[in-house]
Amino acid sequence: PTGSDLAKYDKVGTIFAGYHYDLNFLTIHGKSRFPGLYIWLRDGRRLAVAVPEGCLLVQAGKQMEWMTGGHVRAGMHEVVFTEATAAAVETARAEGRSLWRGASTFFS
């Protein structure tokens, strides 16, 4: 898990976790208070992720890919400071909430 101080790193385009897959079996992403998580589809499209309340995003890791002989492929993802992140930071600042973005990721 990682943490980022959005009061300090607040420029649109700042990359917190560049395009990558994880080496573990599964990566489980929880809901973040700040948007910026993207997944990459097999056709090369990048999609912003909004994990609904009470839900998790589960991605295969490289171990799963190896164990299935490539039938299940590791999920590519990244975390970037976007315009939506900036808007969420301003809301949090106005409400006096923490501006730390913590990754609520579990690796299995």
Protein backbone atom coordinates (compact mmCIF):
# COMPACT_ATOMS: atom_id res chain seq x y z
CA PRO A 1 0.00 0.00 0.00
CA THR A 2 1.07 3.53 -0.73
CA GLY A 3 0.10 6.96 0.53
CA SER A 4 0.29 10.32 -1.24
CA ASP A 5 0.00 13.80 0.25
CA LEU A 6 -2.37 15.52 -2.19
CA ALA A 7 -1.69 18.88 -0.55
CA LYS A 8 1.89 18.55 -1.81
CA TYR A 9 1.48 16.48 -4.99
CA ASP A 10 -1.45 18.30 -6.56
CA LYS A 11 -0.61 18.76 -10.23
CA VAL A 12 -2.86 17.21 -12.87
CA GLY A 13 -0.88 14.46 -14.56
CA THR A 14 1.19 13.53 -11.49
CA ILE A 15 1.68 9.77 -11.57
CA PHE A 16 1.46 8.01 -8.21
CA ALA A 17 1.73 4.48 -9.58
CA GLY A 18 2.72 4.16 -13.23
CA TYR A 19 1.20 1.66 -15.67
CA HIS A 20 1.93 -1.80 -14.21
CA TYR A 21 0.66 -5.22 -13.21
CA ASP A 22 1.20 -6.82 -9.81
CA LEU A 23 3.26 -9.96 -9.29
CA ASN A 24 0.91 -11.52 -6.72
CA PHE A 25 -2.03 -13.90 -7.32
CA LEU A 26 -4.84 -11.32 -6.88
CA THR A 27 -4.96 -7.56 -6.38
CA ILE A 28 -8.05 -6.31 -4.57
CA HIS A 29 -8.75 -2.57 -4.75
CA GLY A 30 -11.11 -0.91 -2.27
CA LYS A 31 -12.98 2.34 -2.75
CA SER A 32 -10.75 5.42 -2.61
CA ARG A 33 -11.78 8.83 -1.33
CA PHE A 34 -9.92 10.34 -4.30
CA PRO A 35 -10.35 9.26 -7.93
CA GLY A 36 -7.38 8.47 -10.14
CA LEU A 37 -7.27 4.67 -10.49
CA TYR A 38 -7.29 3.51 -14.11
CA ILE A 39 -7.37 0.04 -15.60
CA TRP A 40 -6.24 -0.90 -19.08
CA LEU A 41 -8.34 -3.15 -21.29
CA ARG A 42 -6.77 -5.73 -23.61
CA ASP A 43 -7.62 -3.56 -26.63
CA GLY A 44 -5.47 -0.74 -25.20
CA ARG A 45 -8.26 1.46 -23.87
CA ARG A 46 -7.74 3.12 -20.48
CA LEU A 47 -10.78 3.32 -18.18
CA ALA A 48 -11.24 5.33 -15.00
CA VAL A 49 -12.39 3.14 -12.12
CA ALA A 50 -15.05 4.16 -9.63
CA VAL A 51 -15.45 1.35 -7.10
CA PRO A 52 -19.04 1.52 -5.78
CA GLU A 53 -19.65 1.77 -2.04
CA GLY A 54 -19.45 -1.67 -0.42
CA CYS A 55 -17.72 -3.22 -3.45
CA LEU A 56 -14.19 -4.25 -4.42
CA LEU A 57 -12.31 -4.39 -7.72
CA VAL A 58 -10.44 -7.68 -8.12
CA GLN A 59 -7.68 -8.01 -10.69
CA ALA A 60 -5.59 -11.03 -11.54
CA GLY A 61 -1.90 -10.74 -10.76
CA LYS A 62 1.02 -12.26 -12.65
CA GLN A 63 0.96 -15.44 -10.52
CA MET A 64 -2.62 -16.09 -11.68
CA GLU A 65 -1.53 -15.55 -15.28
CA TRP A 66 1.30 -18.05 -14.90
CA MET A 67 -0.87 -20.63 -13.11
CA THR A 68 -3.53 -20.51 -15.86
CA GLY A 69 -1.03 -20.64 -18.71
CA GLY A 70 -2.10 -17.16 -19.81
CA HIS A 71 -5.85 -17.90 -19.99
CA VAL A 72 -6.34 -15.30 -17.24
CA ARG A 73 -4.04 -12.34 -17.73
CA ALA A 74 -2.66 -9.95 -15.11
CA GLY A 75 -4.61 -6.70 -14.91
CA MET A 76 -2.77 -3.53 -15.87
CA HIS A 77 -3.49 -0.40 -13.86
CA GLU A 78 -2.12 2.99 -12.81
CA VAL A 79 -2.94 5.84 -10.42
CA VAL A 80 -2.80 9.44 -11.71
CA PHE A 81 -3.79 12.87 -10.34
CA THR A 82 -6.63 14.02 -12.61
CA GLU A 83 -9.11 16.90 -12.82
CA ALA A 84 -11.53 14.68 -10.87
CA THR A 85 -8.85 14.16 -8.20
CA ALA A 86 -8.36 17.94 -7.99
CA ALA A 87 -12.11 18.46 -7.52
CA ALA A 88 -12.20 15.83 -4.75
CA VAL A 89 -9.19 17.48 -3.07
CA GLU A 90 -10.95 20.85 -3.06
CA THR A 91 -14.09 19.29 -1.55
CA ALA A 92 -12.03 17.52 1.12
CA ARG A 93 -10.11 20.73 1.87
CA ALA A 94 -13.35 22.73 2.23
CA GLU A 95 -14.72 20.08 4.61
CA GLY A 96 -11.51 19.98 6.66
CA ARG A 97 -10.78 16.34 5.77
CA SER A 98 -7.36 14.77 5.28
CA LEU A 99 -5.71 15.25 1.89
CA TRP A 100 -3.83 11.97 2.07
CA ARG A 101 -4.68 9.44 -0.61
CA GLY A 102 -4.07 5.98 0.79
CA ALA A 103 -4.16 2.93 -1.41
CA SER A 104 -6.62 0.45 0.06
CA THR A 105 -5.17 -2.44 -1.89
CA PHE A 106 -4.83 -6.01 -0.68
CA PHE A 107 -2.45 -8.44 -2.33
CA SER A 108 -3.14 -12.15 -2.19
